[in-house]
Protein backbone atom coordinates (compact mmCIF):
# COMPACT_ATOMS: atom_id res chain seq x y z
CA MET A 1 3.72 6.41 -41.87
CA VAL A 2 3.48 5.09 -38.63
CA ILE A 3 3.64 1.47 -39.71
CA ARG A 4 5.18 1.60 -42.76
CA ILE A 5 8.22 3.87 -41.48
CA LEU A 6 8.88 3.94 -37.96
CA LEU A 7 7.59 0.19 -37.06
CA PRO A 8 10.50 -1.03 -39.28
CA VAL A 9 12.94 0.85 -38.12
CA ILE A 10 12.11 0.69 -34.38
CA GLY A 11 11.85 -3.06 -35.16
CA LEU A 12 15.33 -3.53 -36.81
CA PHE A 13 16.81 -1.52 -33.89
CA GLY A 14 14.78 -4.10 -31.17
CA LEU A 15 16.23 -7.36 -33.45
CA CYS A 16 19.60 -6.26 -32.67
CA GLY A 17 19.20 -5.24 -29.21
CA ASN A 18 17.51 -8.47 -28.20
CA GLY A 19 19.49 -10.23 -29.75
CA ILE A 20 22.71 -9.00 -27.79
CA SER A 21 20.54 -9.10 -24.68
CA ALA A 22 19.56 -12.33 -24.92
CA PHE A 23 23.30 -13.53 -25.77
CA ILE A 24 24.87 -11.23 -22.90
CA TYR A 25 22.16 -12.32 -20.12
CA SER A 26 22.61 -16.35 -21.32
CA ARG A 27 26.39 -16.18 -20.12
CA LYS A 28 27.54 -18.09 -17.38
CA SER A 29 29.00 -15.26 -15.50
CA MET A 30 25.35 -13.61 -15.86
CA ARG A 31 23.41 -16.49 -14.49
CA SER A 32 21.26 -15.91 -11.71
CA SER A 33 17.19 -15.74 -11.51
CA MET A 34 16.68 -12.49 -12.64
CA ASN A 35 19.12 -12.16 -15.66
CA ILE A 36 17.33 -15.92 -16.91
CA TYR A 37 13.91 -13.90 -16.88
CA LEU A 38 15.62 -10.96 -18.91
CA CYS A 39 16.83 -13.27 -21.17
CA ALA A 40 13.86 -15.05 -21.91
CA LEU A 41 11.94 -11.61 -22.12
CA ALA A 42 14.29 -10.67 -24.82
CA ILE A 43 13.83 -13.72 -26.64
CA SER A 44 9.79 -13.38 -26.23
CA ASP A 45 10.33 -9.42 -27.71
CA ILE A 46 12.02 -11.03 -30.37
CA ILE A 47 9.06 -12.97 -31.79
CA ILE A 48 6.64 -10.06 -30.95
CA ILE A 49 8.97 -7.56 -33.02
CA LEU A 50 9.11 -10.35 -35.79
CA THR A 51 5.36 -11.48 -35.78
CA ALA A 52 3.97 -7.44 -35.57
CA PHE A 53 6.72 -6.62 -38.58
CA PHE A 54 4.41 -9.49 -40.28
CA LEU A 55 1.08 -8.86 -39.12
CA PHE A 56 1.26 -5.09 -39.47
CA PHE A 57 4.02 -3.95 -41.65
CA ILE A 58 3.43 -6.84 -44.35
CA GLU A 59 -0.34 -6.22 -44.13
CA ASN A 60 0.33 -2.87 -45.28
CA LEU A 61 1.71 -3.91 -48.41
CA ARG A 62 -0.25 -7.08 -49.46
CA TYR A 63 -2.54 -5.00 -51.39
CA LYS A 64 0.80 -4.06 -53.82
CA SER A 65 1.58 -7.18 -54.40
CA LEU A 66 -0.24 -10.77 -55.34
CA LEU A 67 2.77 -12.62 -53.57
CA LEU A 68 2.78 -11.01 -50.57
CA SER A 69 -0.89 -11.16 -50.53
CA LYS A 70 -0.53 -14.98 -50.40
CA ILE A 71 2.25 -14.97 -48.39
CA PHE A 72 0.39 -12.77 -45.98
CA ALA A 73 -2.81 -15.19 -45.88
CA MET A 74 -0.61 -18.33 -45.45
CA LEU A 75 1.52 -17.59 -42.65
CA THR A 76 -1.14 -15.25 -40.42
CA PRO A 77 -2.85 -18.38 -38.88
CA ILE A 78 0.58 -19.40 -37.73
CA ALA A 79 2.02 -15.39 -36.75
CA PHE A 80 -1.48 -14.08 -35.32
CA PRO A 81 -1.32 -16.68 -32.21
CA LEU A 82 2.55 -16.71 -32.00
CA GLY A 83 2.71 -13.21 -31.65
CA LEU A 84 -0.29 -12.97 -28.86
CA THR A 85 1.40 -15.84 -27.06
CA ALA A 86 4.80 -13.82 -27.03
CA GLN A 87 2.74 -11.02 -25.90
CA SER A 88 1.44 -12.90 -23.06
CA LEU A 89 4.76 -14.36 -22.23
CA SER A 90 6.20 -10.92 -22.42
CA VAL A 91 3.55 -9.78 -19.22
CA PHE A 92 4.05 -12.71 -17.46
CA LEU A 93 7.62 -12.97 -17.46
CA THR A 94 7.75 -8.88 -16.51
CA VAL A 95 5.18 -9.89 -13.29
CA THR A 96 7.50 -12.98 -12.62
CA SER A 97 10.83 -11.18 -12.83
CA ALA A 98 9.16 -8.60 -10.75
CA ILE A 99 8.24 -11.01 -7.83
CA ASP A 100 11.37 -12.60 -8.49
CA CYS A 101 12.80 -9.19 -7.12
CA PHE A 102 10.50 -8.27 -4.70
CA LEU A 103 11.38 -11.92 -2.97
CA LEU A 104 14.92 -11.22 -3.34
CA ILE A 105 14.92 -8.18 -1.36
CA TYR A 106 12.22 -9.38 1.27
CA SER A 107 12.26 -12.87 1.87
CA ASN A 108 14.34 -14.84 4.04
CA PRO A 109 17.72 -16.50 3.26
CA ASN A 110 15.61 -19.96 2.89
CA CYS A 111 12.94 -18.40 0.52
CA LYS A 112 15.66 -17.14 -1.34
CA ARG A 113 17.62 -20.41 -1.90
CA ARG A 114 14.06 -21.99 -3.06
CA PHE A 115 12.70 -19.75 -5.35
CA CYS A 116 15.15 -17.00 -6.48
CA SER A 117 17.74 -19.70 -7.64
CA ALA A 118 18.55 -20.01 -11.47
CA THR A 119 17.24 -23.70 -11.61
CA SER A 120 13.62 -22.56 -10.03
CA ALA A 121 13.90 -19.58 -12.98
CA ILE A 122 14.34 -21.93 -15.65
CA LYS A 123 11.34 -24.12 -14.22
CA MET A 124 9.23 -21.01 -14.10
CA VAL A 125 9.99 -19.77 -17.08
CA GLY A 126 9.23 -23.10 -19.11
CA MET A 127 5.76 -23.06 -16.70
CA ILE A 128 5.08 -19.45 -17.92
CA SER A 129 5.58 -20.59 -21.57
CA MET A 130 2.90 -23.46 -21.49
CA LEU A 131 0.51 -21.26 -19.51
CA ALA A 132 0.89 -18.40 -22.60
CA MET A 133 0.32 -21.05 -25.24
CA LEU A 134 -2.64 -22.28 -23.31
CA TYR A 135 -4.09 -18.80 -22.74
CA ASN A 136 -3.47 -18.22 -26.29
CA SER A 137 -4.77 -21.31 -28.10
CA PRO A 138 -8.27 -20.08 -28.74
CA HIS A 139 -6.51 -17.61 -31.46
CA MET A 140 -5.58 -20.48 -33.42
CA PHE A 141 -9.20 -21.27 -34.30
CA GLU A 142 -10.26 -17.40 -35.01
CA ILE A 143 -8.85 -17.47 -38.88
CA ASN A 144 -9.61 -19.38 -42.05
CA VAL A 145 -8.13 -19.18 -45.25
CA ILE A 146 -10.12 -18.98 -48.49
CA THR A 147 -9.66 -19.03 -52.15
CA CYS A 148 -10.93 -15.74 -53.60
CA TRP A 149 -10.84 -13.53 -56.54
CA ASN A 150 -8.22 -10.96 -56.38
CA ILE A 151 -10.31 -7.89 -57.86
CA VAL A 152 -6.54 -5.90 -58.36
CA TYR A 153 -4.73 -8.42 -60.15
CA PHE A 154 -7.90 -10.21 -61.71
CA GLU A 155 -6.75 -13.83 -60.67
CA LYS A 156 -7.19 -16.29 -58.29
CA SER A 157 -5.66 -16.14 -54.82
CA ILE A 158 -6.30 -16.38 -50.98
CA ASP A 159 -6.88 -14.55 -48.16
CA VAL A 160 -8.12 -14.62 -44.61
CA CYS A 161 -11.50 -14.22 -43.12
CA PRO A 162 -12.74 -14.40 -39.30
CA THR A 163 -14.27 -17.83 -38.16
CA ASP A 164 -17.56 -18.13 -36.47
CA LEU A 165 -15.74 -18.45 -33.21
CA ARG A 166 -14.05 -15.02 -33.59
CA GLN A 167 -17.44 -13.65 -34.69
CA SER A 168 -19.11 -14.81 -31.35
CA GLN A 169 -20.36 -12.13 -29.21
CA LEU A 170 -20.04 -14.24 -26.22
CA TYR A 171 -16.56 -15.11 -26.96
CA LEU A 172 -15.32 -11.45 -27.65
CA THR A 173 -17.25 -10.51 -24.59
CA VAL A 174 -15.80 -13.41 -22.04
CA TYR A 175 -12.29 -13.87 -24.32
CA TYR A 176 -11.49 -10.44 -25.30
CA ALA A 177 -13.04 -8.07 -22.89
CA TRP A 178 -13.03 -9.79 -19.43
CA MET A 179 -9.81 -12.24 -19.81
CA TYR A 180 -7.94 -9.77 -21.56
CA THR A 181 -8.53 -7.20 -18.95
CA ALA A 182 -7.73 -9.50 -15.85
CA VAL A 183 -4.95 -11.20 -17.42
CA MET A 184 -3.25 -9.42 -19.66
CA ALA A 185 -4.16 -5.60 -19.22
CA VAL A 186 -5.32 -4.14 -15.62
CA GLY A 187 -4.18 -7.25 -13.59
CA PRO A 188 -0.54 -7.48 -14.28
CA VAL A 189 -0.16 -3.57 -14.49
CA LEU A 190 -1.69 -3.45 -10.72
CA ILE A 191 0.50 -6.08 -9.49
CA LEU A 192 3.66 -4.17 -11.11
CA ILE A 193 2.64 -1.36 -9.78
CA ALA A 194 2.15 -2.60 -6.06
CA LEU A 195 5.60 -4.63 -6.35
CA ASN A 196 7.30 -1.69 -7.99
CA THR A 197 6.69 0.82 -5.31
CA ALA A 198 7.48 -1.98 -2.79
CA ILE A 199 11.24 -2.66 -4.31
CA ILE A 200 11.51 1.56 -4.92
CA ILE A 201 10.97 2.08 -1.43
CA ALA A 202 13.46 -0.98 -0.18
CA LEU A 203 16.15 0.67 -2.31
CA ARG A 204 15.67 4.32 -1.18
CA ASN A 205 15.64 3.04 2.37
CA THR A 206 18.82 0.74 1.17
CA LEU A 207 18.32 -2.45 2.48
CA PRO A 208 21.12 -4.87 2.01
CA VAL A 209 20.95 -6.22 -1.34
CA SER A 210 23.24 -8.42 -3.90
CA ASP A 211 23.55 -6.33 -6.93
CA ASP A 212 21.73 -3.02 -6.65
CA SER A 213 22.47 -2.36 -10.51
CA ASP A 214 20.14 -5.50 -11.82
CA ILE A 215 17.30 -4.58 -9.54
CA ILE A 216 17.47 -0.81 -10.44
CA THR A 217 17.31 -2.34 -14.05
CA LEU A 218 14.65 -4.51 -13.44
CA VAL A 219 12.60 -1.39 -11.90
CA VAL A 220 12.94 0.74 -15.06
CA VAL A 221 11.90 -2.15 -17.73
CA VAL A 222 8.86 -2.41 -15.47
CA CYS A 223 8.04 1.04 -15.44
CA LEU A 224 8.66 1.23 -19.09
CA PHE A 225 6.38 -1.58 -19.61
CA ILE A 226 3.25 0.02 -17.42
CA THR A 227 3.89 3.52 -19.15
CA CYS A 228 3.88 1.92 -22.60
CA ASN A 229 0.51 -0.15 -21.84
CA ILE A 230 -1.36 2.84 -20.79
CA LEU A 231 -2.21 3.61 -24.71
CA PRO A 232 -3.03 -0.18 -25.58
CA LEU A 233 -5.13 -0.48 -22.61
CA THR A 234 -7.19 2.91 -23.42
CA VAL A 235 -7.60 1.83 -26.95
CA ASN A 236 -9.03 -1.80 -25.79
CA PHE A 237 -11.64 -0.05 -23.12
CA LEU A 238 -12.35 2.66 -25.86
CA GLU A 239 -13.38 -0.22 -28.26
CA LEU A 240 -14.74 -2.52 -25.48
CA ILE A 241 -17.31 0.15 -23.51
CA PHE A 242 -17.78 3.07 -25.97
CA GLY A 243 -17.38 0.70 -29.40
CA TYR A 244 -15.05 3.52 -30.45
CA ILE A 245 -12.63 2.41 -32.78
CA ASN A 246 -9.87 4.60 -34.15
CA SER A 247 -7.52 3.38 -36.91
CA TYR A 248 -4.44 5.66 -35.94
CA LEU A 249 -4.84 5.07 -32.48
CA ILE A 250 -4.49 1.33 -33.34
CA ASP A 251 -1.49 2.07 -35.28
CA LEU A 252 0.10 4.14 -32.52
CA SER A 253 -0.91 1.64 -29.88
CA ASN A 254 1.00 -1.49 -31.85
CA LEU A 255 3.81 0.70 -32.76
CA ILE A 256 4.02 1.43 -28.88
CA VAL A 257 4.13 -2.34 -28.42
CA VAL A 258 7.13 -2.96 -30.58
CA PHE A 259 8.78 0.19 -29.00
CA ASN A 260 8.22 -1.47 -25.57
CA SER A 261 9.91 -4.52 -26.70
CA SER A 262 12.63 -2.96 -28.45
CA CYS A 263 13.94 -0.49 -25.91
CA ASN A 264 14.97 -2.59 -23.08
CA PHE A 265 18.55 -3.08 -24.31
CA LEU A 266 19.08 0.60 -23.61
CA ILE A 267 17.76 0.24 -20.20
CA TYR A 268 19.97 -2.68 -19.82
CA PHE A 269 22.90 -0.83 -21.39
CA ALA A 270 22.03 2.50 -19.16
CA PHE A 271 21.61 0.55 -15.99
CA GLY A 272 23.18 -2.83 -15.61
CA SER A 273 26.64 -2.55 -14.64
CA ARG A 274 27.39 -6.02 -15.11
CA PHE A 275 25.76 -6.42 -18.46
CA ARG A 276 27.82 -3.22 -19.51
CA LYS A 277 30.87 -5.02 -18.24
CA THR A 278 30.32 -8.62 -19.82
CA LEU A 279 29.16 -6.66 -23.20
CA LYS A 280 32.38 -4.73 -22.85
CA GLU A 281 34.32 -8.24 -22.59
CA TYR A 282 32.46 -9.97 -25.65
CA ILE A 283 33.14 -6.67 -27.69
CA GLU A 284 37.09 -6.48 -26.92
CA LEU A 285 37.34 -10.36 -27.26
CA ILE A 286 35.65 -9.89 -31.02
CA PHE A 287 38.34 -7.24 -31.92
CA TYR A 288 41.25 -9.13 -30.22
CA ARG A 289 40.57 -12.15 -32.39
CA GLN A 290 40.02 -9.84 -35.33
CA SER A 291 43.47 -8.31 -34.80
CA ALA A 292 44.96 -11.57 -33.86
CA SER A 293 43.85 -13.23 -36.99
CA LYS A 294 45.01 -10.10 -39.36
CA ILE A 295 48.49 -10.37 -37.78
CA ILE A 296 48.75 -14.32 -38.56
CA VAL A 297 47.91 -13.35 -42.03
CA THR A 298 49.90 -10.60 -42.53
CA ALA A 299 53.06 -12.69 -41.16
């Protein structure tokens, strides 16, 4: 039920919300370093949701349809590394946006002009994207597509199986255990806790900031990220240290990843005054154009 019902429902809302968020934060009136990171985060979250829908929801249904089984086997070698790259990009963007916010509050004007500009943010997003692709490039060599005999439909089909690399104990220990913990789990969470704490202290002390609503929005986004990463991190440690694997916890962990990627729009709308204002302007513009076109047709 977790994967078959909740994931598509939450994911559909997330696709709509992130699409709106990416559109609003890409507007010229919203142009700032922090908003560029949030726009890129919305796009990466869209990719996470789409690949999660394919890898988890379609994977659950593929045994009920030979066509779905073939589609799953053909696209998994692409969707698997793409989804993990988007997850890494989401983590890196969250950390980078928190650093940007920290510099915006605590650094001197020269440092702000150099590192907290829209141009610098665009360059940083490009660098982070390449880093995420490089870090996840080994995943492209973890899956083989093989020809097999489908025992359910009694005909020739294709399926996926792990490569020798994916079954290497050394690879699993170094890449999945040590590197994942440092790069994707404990490392980012500790950095974000430290940065968020410093930012919250600054807000409580009412340091002069250009737009408090954007900073509060980011603080809440980071808090949600940290909270939603507790279970996936716990599941990962249980599997790596104790060899404990629970399919229900894994499904719930995957759902929380999608939930995290889907709920940022609610945060932007609830805490971002500029976001709400810009969204309202575009909604009013759409209704104005529709009413104007009806008047012309009637005339």
